[in-house]
Amino acid sequence: MKTRIKELRTASNLTQQQLADRVHVSPRTIISIEKEQYNPSLMLAYRIADVFGVTVEDLCCLKENKELEDKQYENL
């Protein structure tokens, strides 16, 4: 799933370690989310969104991700 975490983190001058510390996960979790290898839980997404002052919908690009998923189902 595409997210805006890396974009928001770098704009806030936070390291992956600093963000991980703020949301109580390992830096590896942040790295995996940023590489789209892992989808955050709802609670983790909420914690990260709270750090950046954005909504979960905005953080996780939910509209864009839904549209991509819908296109995949159209091709079935």
C-alpha atoms as a PDB file:
ATOM      1  CA  MET A   1       0.000   0.000   0.000  1.00  0.00           C
ATOM      2  CA  LYS A   2       1.284   3.415  -0.931  1.00  0.00           C
ATOM      3  CA  THR A   3       1.656   5.872   1.959  1.00  0.00           C
ATOM      4  CA  ARG A   4       2.974   9.400   2.418  1.00  0.00           C
ATOM      5  CA  ILE A   5       5.067   8.447   5.456  1.00  0.00           C
ATOM      6  CA  LYS A   6       8.494   8.963   3.881  1.00  0.00           C
ATOM      7  CA  GLU A   7       7.409  12.258   2.319  1.00  0.00           C
ATOM      8  CA  LEU A   8       6.008  13.576   5.615  1.00  0.00           C
ATOM      9  CA  ARG A   9       8.909  12.214   7.666  1.00  0.00           C
ATOM     10  CA  THR A  10      11.579  13.851   5.515  1.00  0.00           C
ATOM     11  CA  ALA A  11       9.640  17.129   5.376  1.00  0.00           C
ATOM     12  CA  SER A  12       9.586  17.063   9.184  1.00  0.00           C
ATOM     13  CA  ASN A  13      13.318  16.320   9.363  1.00  0.00           C
ATOM     14  CA  LEU A  14      12.717  13.107  11.289  1.00  0.00           C
ATOM     15  CA  THR A  15      14.860  10.014  10.946  1.00  0.00           C
ATOM     16  CA  GLN A  16      13.269   6.605  10.678  1.00  0.00           C
ATOM     17  CA  GLN A  17      14.539   5.913  14.192  1.00  0.00           C
ATOM     18  CA  GLN A  18      12.957   9.091  15.582  1.00  0.00           C
ATOM     19  CA  LEU A  19       9.588   8.318  13.996  1.00  0.00           C
ATOM     20  CA  ALA A  20       9.772   4.719  15.181  1.00  0.00           C
ATOM     21  CA  ASP A  21      10.459   5.896  18.737  1.00  0.00           C
ATOM     22  CA  ARG A  22       7.472   8.264  18.645  1.00  0.00           C
ATOM     23  CA  VAL A  23       5.048   5.561  17.523  1.00  0.00           C
ATOM     24  CA  HIS A  24       6.543   2.693  19.562  1.00  0.00           C
ATOM     25  CA  VAL A  25       7.780   0.422  16.774  1.00  0.00           C
ATOM     26  CA  SER A  26      11.174  -0.626  15.463  1.00  0.00           C
ATOM     27  CA  PRO A  27      12.919   1.388  12.742  1.00  0.00           C
ATOM     28  CA  ARG A  28      12.650  -1.747  10.577  1.00  0.00           C
ATOM     29  CA  THR A  29       8.859  -1.394  10.669  1.00  0.00           C
ATOM     30  CA  ILE A  30       9.089   2.177   9.364  1.00  0.00           C
ATOM     31  CA  ILE A  31      11.527   1.083   6.658  1.00  0.00           C
ATOM     32  CA  SER A  32       9.212  -1.748   5.566  1.00  0.00           C
ATOM     33  CA  ILE A  33       6.184   0.556   5.415  1.00  0.00           C
ATOM     34  CA  GLU A  34       8.091   3.145   3.396  1.00  0.00           C
ATOM     35  CA  LYS A  35       9.196   0.452   0.935  1.00  0.00           C
ATOM     36  CA  GLU A  36       5.568  -0.746   0.613  1.00  0.00           C
ATOM     37  CA  GLN A  37       6.599  -4.163   1.949  1.00  0.00           C
ATOM     38  CA  TYR A  38       4.341  -3.938   5.007  1.00  0.00           C
ATOM     39  CA  ASN A  39       0.945  -2.348   5.645  1.00  0.00           C
ATOM     40  CA  PRO A  40       0.579  -0.609   9.001  1.00  0.00           C
ATOM     41  CA  SER A  41      -2.166  -1.661  11.369  1.00  0.00           C
ATOM     42  CA  LEU A  42      -4.989   0.811  11.821  1.00  0.00           C
ATOM     43  CA  MET A  43      -3.633   1.830  15.234  1.00  0.00           C
ATOM     44  CA  LEU A  44      -0.103   2.336  13.892  1.00  0.00           C
ATOM     45  CA  ALA A  45      -1.445   4.373  10.972  1.00  0.00           C
ATOM     46  CA  TYR A  46      -3.385   6.490  13.460  1.00  0.00           C
ATOM     47  CA  ARG A  47      -0.279   7.029  15.611  1.00  0.00           C
ATOM     48  CA  ILE A  48       1.808   8.051  12.598  1.00  0.00           C
ATOM     49  CA  ALA A  49      -0.926  10.340  11.262  1.00  0.00           C
ATOM     50  CA  ASP A  50      -1.129  11.971  14.684  1.00  0.00           C
ATOM     51  CA  VAL A  51       2.628  12.698  14.641  1.00  0.00           C
ATOM     52  CA  PHE A  52       2.248  14.569  11.343  1.00  0.00           C
ATOM     53  CA  GLY A  53      -1.131  16.161  12.033  1.00  0.00           C
ATOM     54  CA  VAL A  54      -2.854  14.506   9.075  1.00  0.00           C
ATOM     55  CA  THR A  55      -5.739  12.074   8.736  1.00  0.00           C
ATOM     56  CA  VAL A  56      -5.228   8.346   8.282  1.00  0.00           C
ATOM     57  CA  GLU A  57      -6.961   8.705   4.901  1.00  0.00           C
ATOM     58  CA  ASP A  58      -4.379  11.259   3.791  1.00  0.00           C
ATOM     59  CA  LEU A  59      -1.420   9.410   5.304  1.00  0.00           C
ATOM     60  CA  CYS A  60      -2.333   6.129   3.615  1.00  0.00           C
ATOM     61  CA  CYS A  61      -3.500   7.609   0.297  1.00  0.00           C
ATOM     62  CA  LEU A  62      -6.712   5.651   0.777  1.00  0.00           C
ATOM     63  CA  LYS A  63      -8.582   7.160  -2.173  1.00  0.00           C
ATOM     64  CA  GLU A  64      -5.686   6.490  -4.547  1.00  0.00           C
ATOM     65  CA  ASN A  65      -5.110   2.968  -3.189  1.00  0.00           C
ATOM     66  CA  LYS A  66      -8.832   2.168  -3.494  1.00  0.00           C
ATOM     67  CA  GLU A  67      -8.853   3.297  -7.124  1.00  0.00           C
ATOM     68  CA  LEU A  68      -5.836   1.088  -7.899  1.00  0.00           C
ATOM     69  CA  GLU A  69      -7.464  -1.873  -6.202  1.00  0.00           C
ATOM     70  CA  ASP A  70     -10.756  -1.267  -8.014  1.00  0.00           C
ATOM     71  CA  LYS A  71      -8.908  -1.340 -11.355  1.00  0.00           C
ATOM     72  CA  GLN A  72      -7.382  -4.704 -10.440  1.00  0.00           C
ATOM     73  CA  TYR A  73     -10.826  -6.143  -9.774  1.00  0.00           C
ATOM     74  CA  GLU A  74     -12.126  -4.791 -13.078  1.00  0.00           C
ATOM     75  CA  ASN A  75      -9.563  -6.910 -14.903  1.00  0.00           C
ATOM     76  CA  LEU A  76     -10.780 -10.169 -13.338  1.00  0.00           C
END
